[in-house]
């Protein structure tokens, strides 16, 4: 039953991505961990694959409309890939416990929820060439800031599996000077690149249930196709606000589940013992 419910949620995650363009992917990790009982590190790997696949699928229509800037995606995407691979390798170290990762993930979910709620409360729609939710930066070398933020977003992706769209889109608008539509389309390609690098950083170091990975990814992919169709009939602004509050509640739940904090030495010892046991 939990398998069925988990995959139904995966479809809903895809639908939310199709309807509001982001945020839904952060539900994948708590669904896998708390509903389907997948170990956090393995769940992060599954999340990376699902988010990356869905983002690539979502980037295709944007590519056809000319909303994907390959040069910008190459610069930002390459830096996020470096960060994602680094973050994934750090996450496999014994000192980085699963509880630490879940707490960091919960805080990132809180940020995404707050930004989503604020954006939905804006009276006027964001202009095509700016994102007035954030102040305009004053810099002579915006590309350097773009690369720096890309590495930071990538590290977070590798550590906790979030796609980072809530940070990538503003960076592309403010630093790369892209119109909003092109920023969204380009961000989907960057998230895909980000996810590939993060997955590669975990590969061979974390056990993977390939059957679950395939079925969960397919379910999310079907969802984004449905969401792309339903967007014609749903007011995304109202849905975005409701979804933001739902993310807020989910983040609080994750924090509550990890309320006792973490014990690095003890958990590291247990993880190292389990790793050695698997080798023999």
C-alpha atoms as a PDB file:
ATOM      1  CA  UNK A   1       0.000   0.000   0.000  1.00  0.00           C
ATOM      2  CA  UNK A   2       2.792   2.443   0.865  1.00  0.00           C
ATOM      3  CA  UNK A   3       4.376   1.640  -2.519  1.00  0.00           C
ATOM      4  CA  UNK A   4       1.171   2.688  -4.294  1.00  0.00           C
ATOM      5  CA  UNK A   5       0.703   5.825  -2.188  1.00  0.00           C
ATOM      6  CA  UNK A   6       4.339   6.801  -2.689  1.00  0.00           C
ATOM      7  CA  UNK A   7       4.037   6.546  -6.462  1.00  0.00           C
ATOM      8  CA  UNK A   8       0.763   8.486  -6.435  1.00  0.00           C
ATOM      9  CA  UNK A   9       2.622  11.232  -4.585  1.00  0.00           C
ATOM     10  CA  UNK A  10       5.368  11.009  -7.226  1.00  0.00           C
ATOM     11  CA  UNK A  11       2.715  11.684  -9.870  1.00  0.00           C
ATOM     12  CA  UNK A  12       1.471  14.643  -7.801  1.00  0.00           C
ATOM     13  CA  UNK A  13       5.050  15.933  -7.577  1.00  0.00           C
ATOM     14  CA  UNK A  14       5.277  15.880 -11.360  1.00  0.00           C
ATOM     15  CA  UNK A  15       1.883  17.572 -11.687  1.00  0.00           C
ATOM     16  CA  UNK A  16       2.954  20.352  -9.314  1.00  0.00           C
ATOM     17  CA  UNK A  17       6.113  20.915 -11.356  1.00  0.00           C
ATOM     18  CA  UNK A  18       4.030  21.169 -14.502  1.00  0.00           C
ATOM     19  CA  UNK A  19       1.553  23.577 -12.892  1.00  0.00           C
ATOM     20  CA  UNK A  20       3.771  25.931 -10.899  1.00  0.00           C
ATOM     21  CA  UNK A  21       7.210  25.224 -12.335  1.00  0.00           C
ATOM     22  CA  UNK A  22       9.001  24.283  -9.138  1.00  0.00           C
ATOM     23  CA  UNK A  23       8.833  23.372  -5.488  1.00  0.00           C
ATOM     24  CA  UNK A  24       7.230  19.995  -5.940  1.00  0.00           C
ATOM     25  CA  UNK A  25      10.517  18.163  -6.193  1.00  0.00           C
ATOM     26  CA  UNK A  26      11.289  18.839  -2.527  1.00  0.00           C
ATOM     27  CA  UNK A  27       8.442  16.495  -1.576  1.00  0.00           C
ATOM     28  CA  UNK A  28      10.252  13.529  -3.094  1.00  0.00           C
ATOM     29  CA  UNK A  29      12.752  13.110  -0.255  1.00  0.00           C
ATOM     30  CA  UNK A  30      10.272  13.085   2.688  1.00  0.00           C
ATOM     31  CA  UNK A  31       7.977  10.789   0.693  1.00  0.00           C
ATOM     32  CA  UNK A  32      10.750   8.268   0.139  1.00  0.00           C
ATOM     33  CA  UNK A  33      12.131   8.499   3.678  1.00  0.00           C
ATOM     34  CA  UNK A  34       9.025   8.681   5.872  1.00  0.00           C
ATOM     35  CA  UNK A  35       6.433   6.900   3.751  1.00  0.00           C
ATOM     36  CA  UNK A  36       8.393   4.351   1.735  1.00  0.00           C
ATOM     37  CA  UNK A  37      11.040   3.829   4.446  1.00  0.00           C
ATOM     38  CA  UNK A  38      14.017   4.348   2.136  1.00  0.00           C
ATOM     39  CA  UNK A  39      17.271   5.245   3.962  1.00  0.00           C
ATOM     40  CA  UNK A  40      17.946   9.012   3.609  1.00  0.00           C
ATOM     41  CA  UNK A  41      21.160   8.739   1.589  1.00  0.00           C
ATOM     42  CA  UNK A  42      19.591   6.296  -0.860  1.00  0.00           C
ATOM     43  CA  UNK A  43      16.466   8.477  -0.981  1.00  0.00           C
ATOM     44  CA  UNK A  44      18.602  11.474  -1.942  1.00  0.00           C
ATOM     45  CA  UNK A  45      20.043   9.496  -4.856  1.00  0.00           C
ATOM     46  CA  UNK A  46      16.547   8.510  -6.009  1.00  0.00           C
ATOM     47  CA  UNK A  47      15.435  12.131  -5.672  1.00  0.00           C
ATOM     48  CA  UNK A  48      18.340  13.331  -7.815  1.00  0.00           C
ATOM     49  CA  UNK A  49      17.411  10.925 -10.603  1.00  0.00           C
ATOM     50  CA  UNK A  50      13.696  11.740 -10.442  1.00  0.00           C
ATOM     51  CA  UNK A  51      14.235  15.511 -10.323  1.00  0.00           C
ATOM     52  CA  UNK A  52      16.844  15.392 -13.088  1.00  0.00           C
ATOM     53  CA  UNK A  53      14.682  13.276 -15.387  1.00  0.00           C
ATOM     54  CA  UNK A  54      11.578  15.392 -14.856  1.00  0.00           C
ATOM     55  CA  UNK A  55      13.568  18.614 -15.379  1.00  0.00           C
ATOM     56  CA  UNK A  56      14.985  17.324 -18.669  1.00  0.00           C
ATOM     57  CA  UNK A  57      11.498  16.350 -19.790  1.00  0.00           C
ATOM     58  CA  UNK A  58      10.196  19.790 -18.827  1.00  0.00           C
ATOM     59  CA  UNK A  59      13.046  21.530 -20.658  1.00  0.00           C
ATOM     60  CA  UNK A  60      12.060  20.040 -24.024  1.00  0.00           C
ATOM     61  CA  UNK A  61       9.063  22.342 -24.715  1.00  0.00           C
ATOM     62  CA  UNK A  62      11.109  25.340 -23.530  1.00  0.00           C
ATOM     63  CA  UNK A  63      13.851  24.336 -25.967  1.00  0.00           C
ATOM     64  CA  UNK A  64      11.351  24.259 -28.823  1.00  0.00           C
ATOM     65  CA  UNK A  65      10.230  27.779 -27.885  1.00  0.00           C
ATOM     66  CA  UNK A  66      13.807  29.061 -27.784  1.00  0.00           C
ATOM     67  CA  UNK A  67      13.784  29.616 -24.017  1.00  0.00           C
ATOM     68  CA  UNK A  68      16.935  27.602 -23.259  1.00  0.00           C
ATOM     69  CA  UNK A  69      20.220  29.527 -23.457  1.00  0.00           C
ATOM     70  CA  UNK A  70      22.967  26.956 -23.904  1.00  0.00           C
ATOM     71  CA  UNK A  71      25.875  29.326 -23.214  1.00  0.00           C
ATOM     72  CA  UNK A  72      24.422  30.432 -19.890  1.00  0.00           C
ATOM     73  CA  UNK A  73      23.449  26.865 -19.024  1.00  0.00           C
ATOM     74  CA  UNK A  74      27.001  25.786 -19.797  1.00  0.00           C
ATOM     75  CA  UNK A  75      28.610  28.383 -17.511  1.00  0.00           C
ATOM     76  CA  UNK A  76      26.178  28.055 -14.603  1.00  0.00           C
ATOM     77  CA  UNK A  77      25.547  24.359 -15.164  1.00  0.00           C
ATOM     78  CA  UNK A  78      29.235  23.454 -15.156  1.00  0.00           C
ATOM     79  CA  UNK A  79      29.743  25.250 -11.841  1.00  0.00           C
ATOM     80  CA  UNK A  80      26.691  23.561 -10.299  1.00  0.00           C
ATOM     81  CA  UNK A  81      27.990  20.187 -11.493  1.00  0.00           C
ATOM     82  CA  UNK A  82      31.284  20.791  -9.696  1.00  0.00           C
ATOM     83  CA  UNK A  83      29.374  21.749  -6.562  1.00  0.00           C
ATOM     84  CA  UNK A  84      26.928  18.834  -6.802  1.00  0.00           C
ATOM     85  CA  UNK A  85      29.679  16.261  -7.217  1.00  0.00           C
ATOM     86  CA  UNK A  86      31.583  17.792  -4.306  1.00  0.00           C
ATOM     87  CA  UNK A  87      28.459  17.865  -2.134  1.00  0.00           C
ATOM     88  CA  UNK A  88      27.671  14.238  -2.940  1.00  0.00           C
ATOM     89  CA  UNK A  89      31.195  13.119  -2.074  1.00  0.00           C
ATOM     90  CA  UNK A  90      31.005  15.054   1.196  1.00  0.00           C
ATOM     91  CA  UNK A  91      27.655  13.417   1.968  1.00  0.00           C
ATOM     92  CA  UNK A  92      29.202   9.952   1.749  1.00  0.00           C
ATOM     93  CA  UNK A  93      31.745  10.759   4.467  1.00  0.00           C
ATOM     94  CA  UNK A  94      31.012   9.097   7.836  1.00  0.00           C
ATOM     95  CA  UNK A  95      30.990  12.460   9.626  1.00  0.00           C
ATOM     96  CA  UNK A  96      28.015  13.659   7.532  1.00  0.00           C
ATOM     97  CA  UNK A  97      25.137  11.813   9.152  1.00  0.00           C
ATOM     98  CA  UNK A  98      21.704  11.168   7.704  1.00  0.00           C
ATOM     99  CA  UNK A  99      20.111  13.273  10.454  1.00  0.00           C
ATOM    100  CA  UNK A 100      22.322  16.218   9.530  1.00  0.00           C
ATOM    101  CA  UNK A 101      21.236  15.884   5.910  1.00  0.00           C
ATOM    102  CA  UNK A 102      17.541  15.764   6.822  1.00  0.00           C
ATOM    103  CA  UNK A 103      17.857  18.846   9.044  1.00  0.00           C
ATOM    104  CA  UNK A 104      19.608  20.770   6.269  1.00  0.00           C
ATOM    105  CA  UNK A 105      16.943  19.607   3.846  1.00  0.00           C
ATOM    106  CA  UNK A 106      14.181  20.841   6.181  1.00  0.00           C
ATOM    107  CA  UNK A 107      15.741  24.308   6.362  1.00  0.00           C
ATOM    108  CA  UNK A 108      16.034  24.433   2.565  1.00  0.00           C
ATOM    109  CA  UNK A 109      12.373  23.421   2.324  1.00  0.00           C
ATOM    110  CA  UNK A 110      11.438  26.263   4.687  1.00  0.00           C
ATOM    111  CA  UNK A 111      13.238  28.746   2.434  1.00  0.00           C
ATOM    112  CA  UNK A 112      11.511  27.396  -0.677  1.00  0.00           C
ATOM    113  CA  UNK A 113       8.105  27.543   1.063  1.00  0.00           C
ATOM    114  CA  UNK A 114       8.552  31.141   2.244  1.00  0.00           C
ATOM    115  CA  UNK A 115       9.718  32.329  -1.189  1.00  0.00           C
ATOM    116  CA  UNK A 116       6.768  30.586  -2.822  1.00  0.00           C
ATOM    117  CA  UNK A 117       4.270  32.201  -0.430  1.00  0.00           C
ATOM    118  CA  UNK A 118       5.811  35.663  -0.840  1.00  0.00           C
ATOM    119  CA  UNK A 119       5.797  35.371  -4.616  1.00  0.00           C
ATOM    120  CA  UNK A 120       2.137  34.280  -4.668  1.00  0.00           C
ATOM    121  CA  UNK A 121       1.144  37.262  -2.495  1.00  0.00           C
ATOM    122  CA  UNK A 122       2.542  39.827  -4.909  1.00  0.00           C
ATOM    123  CA  UNK A 123      -0.203  42.054  -6.287  1.00  0.00           C
ATOM    124  CA  UNK A 124       1.361  42.525  -9.674  1.00  0.00           C
ATOM    125  CA  UNK A 125       2.830  39.816 -11.807  1.00  0.00           C
ATOM    126  CA  UNK A 126       6.600  39.832 -12.121  1.00  0.00           C
ATOM    127  CA  UNK A 127       7.776  41.675 -15.199  1.00  0.00           C
ATOM    128  CA  UNK A 128       9.298  39.693 -18.002  1.00  0.00           C
ATOM    129  CA  UNK A 129      12.788  41.149 -17.636  1.00  0.00           C
ATOM    130  CA  UNK A 130      13.172  41.290 -13.875  1.00  0.00           C
ATOM    131  CA  UNK A 131      12.539  39.493 -10.631  1.00  0.00           C
ATOM    132  CA  UNK A 132      11.630  42.292  -8.204  1.00  0.00           C
ATOM    133  CA  UNK A 133      11.387  39.909  -5.272  1.00  0.00           C
ATOM    134  CA  UNK A 134      15.175  40.302  -5.014  1.00  0.00           C
ATOM    135  CA  UNK A 135      17.288  43.484  -5.057  1.00  0.00           C
ATOM    136  CA  UNK A 136      19.333  44.220  -8.123  1.00  0.00           C
ATOM    137  CA  UNK A 137      23.007  43.384  -7.571  1.00  0.00           C
ATOM    138  CA  UNK A 138      25.734  45.923  -8.211  1.00  0.00           C
ATOM    139  CA  UNK A 139      28.714  44.096  -9.660  1.00  0.00           C
ATOM    140  CA  UNK A 140      31.202  44.489 -12.476  1.00  0.00           C
ATOM    141  CA  UNK A 141      31.737  40.766 -12.814  1.00  0.00           C
ATOM    142  CA  UNK A 142      28.295  39.209 -12.523  1.00  0.00           C
ATOM    143  CA  UNK A 143      29.517  36.048 -14.219  1.00  0.00           C
ATOM    144  CA  UNK A 144      31.844  35.468 -11.260  1.00  0.00           C
ATOM    145  CA  UNK A 145      28.927  35.728  -8.845  1.00  0.00           C
ATOM    146  CA  UNK A 146      26.976  33.412 -11.133  1.00  0.00           C
ATOM    147  CA  UNK A 147      29.690  30.763 -10.976  1.00  0.00           C
ATOM    148  CA  UNK A 148      30.053  31.194  -7.211  1.00  0.00           C
ATOM    149  CA  UNK A 149      26.321  30.774  -6.615  1.00  0.00           C
ATOM    150  CA  UNK A 150      26.292  27.832  -9.004  1.00  0.00           C
ATOM    151  CA  UNK A 151      28.891  26.027  -6.910  1.00  0.00           C
ATOM    152  CA  UNK A 152      26.921  26.786  -3.736  1.00  0.00           C
ATOM    153  CA  UNK A 153      23.628  25.555  -5.193  1.00  0.00           C
ATOM    154  CA  UNK A 154      25.389  22.469  -6.503  1.00  0.00           C
ATOM    155  CA  UNK A 155      26.809  21.605  -3.094  1.00  0.00           C
ATOM    156  CA  UNK A 156      23.314  21.795  -1.576  1.00  0.00           C
ATOM    157  CA  UNK A 157      22.003  19.569  -4.352  1.00  0.00           C
ATOM    158  CA  UNK A 158      24.659  16.975  -3.668  1.00  0.00           C
ATOM    159  CA  UNK A 159      24.086  17.094   0.076  1.00  0.00           C
ATOM    160  CA  UNK A 160      20.282  16.977   0.255  1.00  0.00           C
ATOM    161  CA  UNK A 161      18.973  16.333  -3.261  1.00  0.00           C
ATOM    162  CA  UNK A 162      17.099  19.608  -3.846  1.00  0.00           C
ATOM    163  CA  UNK A 163      17.070  20.828  -7.428  1.00  0.00           C
ATOM    164  CA  UNK A 164      17.769  24.416  -6.390  1.00  0.00           C
ATOM    165  CA  UNK A 165      15.361  26.021  -8.838  1.00  0.00           C
ATOM    166  CA  UNK A 166      14.303  28.605  -6.237  1.00  0.00           C
ATOM    167  CA  UNK A 167      17.901  29.906  -6.238  1.00  0.00           C
ATOM    168  CA  UNK A 168      18.830  29.255  -9.874  1.00  0.00           C
ATOM    169  CA  UNK A 169      16.005  31.256 -11.482  1.00  0.00           C
ATOM    170  CA  UNK A 170      16.699  34.519  -9.567  1.00  0.00           C
ATOM    171  CA  UNK A 171      20.413  34.176 -10.337  1.00  0.00           C
ATOM    172  CA  UNK A 172      19.749  33.782 -14.059  1.00  0.00           C
ATOM    173  CA  UNK A 173      17.434  36.811 -14.096  1.00  0.00           C
ATOM    174  CA  UNK A 174      19.553  39.139 -12.000  1.00  0.00           C
ATOM    175  CA  UNK A 175      23.092  38.054 -12.876  1.00  0.00           C
ATOM    176  CA  UNK A 176      22.787  36.529 -16.350  1.00  0.00           C
ATOM    177  CA  UNK A 177      20.201  39.181 -17.365  1.00  0.00           C
ATOM    178  CA  UNK A 178      17.818  36.603 -18.852  1.00  0.00           C
ATOM    179  CA  UNK A 179      14.086  37.277 -19.307  1.00  0.00           C
ATOM    180  CA  UNK A 180      11.913  35.248 -16.940  1.00  0.00           C
ATOM    181  CA  UNK A 181      10.772  32.681 -19.522  1.00  0.00           C
ATOM    182  CA  UNK A 182      14.343  32.010 -20.629  1.00  0.00           C
ATOM    183  CA  UNK A 183      15.483  31.808 -17.006  1.00  0.00           C
ATOM    184  CA  UNK A 184      12.881  29.139 -16.252  1.00  0.00           C
ATOM    185  CA  UNK A 185      13.694  27.115 -19.360  1.00  0.00           C
ATOM    186  CA  UNK A 186      17.448  27.377 -18.827  1.00  0.00           C
ATOM    187  CA  UNK A 187      17.112  26.484 -15.136  1.00  0.00           C
ATOM    188  CA  UNK A 188      15.480  23.168 -16.032  1.00  0.00           C
ATOM    189  CA  UNK A 189      18.508  22.169 -18.102  1.00  0.00           C
ATOM    190  CA  UNK A 190      20.840  23.295 -15.305  1.00  0.00           C
ATOM    191  CA  UNK A 191      18.897  21.245 -12.741  1.00  0.00           C
ATOM    192  CA  UNK A 192      19.305  18.217 -14.987  1.00  0.00           C
ATOM    193  CA  UNK A 193      23.070  18.774 -15.216  1.00  0.00           C
ATOM    194  CA  UNK A 194      23.185  19.359 -11.478  1.00  0.00           C
ATOM    195  CA  UNK A 195      21.347  16.120 -10.748  1.00  0.00           C
ATOM    196  CA  UNK A 196      23.578  14.062 -13.049  1.00  0.00           C
ATOM    197  CA  UNK A 197      26.715  15.273 -11.261  1.00  0.00           C
ATOM    198  CA  UNK A 198      25.174  14.653  -7.842  1.00  0.00           C
ATOM    199  CA  UNK A 199      24.147  11.136  -8.830  1.00  0.00           C
ATOM    200  CA  UNK A 200      27.642  10.412 -10.116  1.00  0.00           C
ATOM    201  CA  UNK A 201      29.084  11.567  -6.803  1.00  0.00           C
ATOM    202  CA  UNK A 202      26.953   9.021  -4.934  1.00  0.00           C
ATOM    203  CA  UNK A 203      27.287   6.211  -7.461  1.00  0.00           C
ATOM    204  CA  UNK A 204      29.092   3.186  -6.085  1.00  0.00           C
ATOM    205  CA  UNK A 205      29.020   4.556  -2.546  1.00  0.00           C
ATOM    206  CA  UNK A 206      25.320   4.205  -1.725  1.00  0.00           C
ATOM    207  CA  UNK A 207      23.081   1.175  -2.254  1.00  0.00           C
ATOM    208  CA  UNK A 208      20.410   1.846  -4.895  1.00  0.00           C
ATOM    209  CA  UNK A 209      17.084   0.094  -5.432  1.00  0.00           C
ATOM    210  CA  UNK A 210      17.050   0.301  -9.237  1.00  0.00           C
ATOM    211  CA  UNK A 211      13.461  -0.946  -9.560  1.00  0.00           C
ATOM    212  CA  UNK A 212      12.176   1.752  -7.211  1.00  0.00           C
ATOM    213  CA  UNK A 213      14.344   4.359  -8.919  1.00  0.00           C
ATOM    214  CA  UNK A 214      12.845   3.510 -12.309  1.00  0.00           C
ATOM    215  CA  UNK A 215       9.215   3.303 -11.179  1.00  0.00           C
ATOM    216  CA  UNK A 216       9.367   6.492  -9.073  1.00  0.00           C
ATOM    217  CA  UNK A 217      10.983   8.442 -11.915  1.00  0.00           C
ATOM    218  CA  UNK A 218       8.410   7.218 -14.439  1.00  0.00           C
ATOM    219  CA  UNK A 219       5.567   8.208 -12.103  1.00  0.00           C
ATOM    220  CA  UNK A 220       6.970  11.730 -11.646  1.00  0.00           C
ATOM    221  CA  UNK A 221       7.524  12.059 -15.409  1.00  0.00           C
ATOM    222  CA  UNK A 222       3.914  11.097 -16.120  1.00  0.00           C
ATOM    223  CA  UNK A 223       2.869  13.702 -13.583  1.00  0.00           C
ATOM    224  CA  UNK A 224       4.690  16.567 -15.267  1.00  0.00           C
ATOM    225  CA  UNK A 225       3.025  15.703 -18.580  1.00  0.00           C
ATOM    226  CA  UNK A 226      -0.357  15.837 -16.857  1.00  0.00           C
ATOM    227  CA  UNK A 227       0.578  19.100 -15.146  1.00  0.00           C
ATOM    228  CA  UNK A 228       1.582  20.696 -18.444  1.00  0.00           C
ATOM    229  CA  UNK A 229      -1.922  19.902 -19.726  1.00  0.00           C
ATOM    230  CA  UNK A 230      -3.803  20.977 -16.573  1.00  0.00           C
ATOM    231  CA  UNK A 231      -2.017  24.335 -16.382  1.00  0.00           C
ATOM    232  CA  UNK A 232      -4.502  25.622 -18.970  1.00  0.00           C
ATOM    233  CA  UNK A 233      -7.375  25.145 -16.527  1.00  0.00           C
ATOM    234  CA  UNK A 234      -5.839  25.994 -13.143  1.00  0.00           C
ATOM    235  CA  UNK A 235      -4.844  29.377 -11.695  1.00  0.00           C
ATOM    236  CA  UNK A 236      -1.247  28.681 -10.798  1.00  0.00           C
ATOM    237  CA  UNK A 237      -0.951  31.681  -8.453  1.00  0.00           C
ATOM    238  CA  UNK A 238      -3.548  30.355  -6.003  1.00  0.00           C
ATOM    239  CA  UNK A 239      -2.154  26.848  -6.251  1.00  0.00           C
ATOM    240  CA  UNK A 240       1.346  28.163  -5.592  1.00  0.00           C
ATOM    241  CA  UNK A 241       0.266  29.837  -2.356  1.00  0.00           C
ATOM    242  CA  UNK A 242      -1.522  26.731  -1.063  1.00  0.00           C
ATOM    243  CA  UNK A 243       1.423  24.564  -2.041  1.00  0.00           C
ATOM    244  CA  UNK A 244       3.800  26.931  -0.263  1.00  0.00           C
ATOM    245  CA  UNK A 245       1.905  26.481   2.992  1.00  0.00           C
ATOM    246  CA  UNK A 246       1.881  22.723   2.450  1.00  0.00           C
ATOM    247  CA  UNK A 247       5.668  22.773   2.052  1.00  0.00           C
ATOM    248  CA  UNK A 248       5.879  24.805   5.247  1.00  0.00           C
ATOM    249  CA  UNK A 249       3.948  22.153   7.167  1.00  0.00           C
ATOM    250  CA  UNK A 250       6.040  19.376   5.627  1.00  0.00           C
ATOM    251  CA  UNK A 251       9.264  21.151   6.614  1.00  0.00           C
ATOM    252  CA  UNK A 252       8.039  21.447  10.197  1.00  0.00           C
ATOM    253  CA  UNK A 253       7.229  17.737  10.162  1.00  0.00           C
ATOM    254  CA  UNK A 254      10.753  16.864   9.025  1.00  0.00           C
ATOM    255  CA  UNK A 255      12.217  19.103  11.730  1.00  0.00           C
ATOM    256  CA  UNK A 256      10.002  17.418  14.328  1.00  0.00           C
ATOM    257  CA  UNK A 257      11.105  13.977  13.190  1.00  0.00           C
ATOM    258  CA  UNK A 258      14.692  15.050  13.793  1.00  0.00           C
ATOM    259  CA  UNK A 259      13.966  17.090  16.940  1.00  0.00           C
ATOM    260  CA  UNK A 260      16.495  15.238  19.084  1.00  0.00           C
ATOM    261  CA  UNK A 261      19.306  16.628  16.960  1.00  0.00           C
ATOM    262  CA  UNK A 262      22.188  14.603  15.706  1.00  0.00           C
ATOM    263  CA  UNK A 263      24.967  12.593  17.316  1.00  0.00           C
ATOM    264  CA  UNK A 264      27.830  12.739  14.811  1.00  0.00           C
ATOM    265  CA  UNK A 265      30.237  10.422  16.591  1.00  0.00           C
ATOM    266  CA  UNK A 266      27.687   7.708  17.331  1.00  0.00           C
ATOM    267  CA  UNK A 267      26.028   7.762  13.912  1.00  0.00           C
ATOM    268  CA  UNK A 268      29.392   7.910  12.153  1.00  0.00           C
ATOM    269  CA  UNK A 269      30.553   4.861  14.079  1.00  0.00           C
ATOM    270  CA  UNK A 270      27.395   2.926  13.180  1.00  0.00           C
ATOM    271  CA  UNK A 271      27.637   3.920   9.494  1.00  0.00           C
ATOM    272  CA  UNK A 272      31.293   2.909   9.313  1.00  0.00           C
ATOM    273  CA  UNK A 273      30.519  -0.426  10.981  1.00  0.00           C
ATOM    274  CA  UNK A 274      27.719  -1.104   8.502  1.00  0.00           C
ATOM    275  CA  UNK A 275      29.936  -0.133   5.570  1.00  0.00           C
ATOM    276  CA  UNK A 276      32.687  -2.524   6.658  1.00  0.00           C
ATOM    277  CA  UNK A 277      30.130  -5.289   7.259  1.00  0.00           C
ATOM    278  CA  UNK A 278      28.841  -4.936   3.683  1.00  0.00           C
ATOM    279  CA  UNK A 279      32.351  -5.332   2.323  1.00  0.00           C
ATOM    280  CA  UNK A 280      32.591  -8.781   3.898  1.00  0.00           C
END
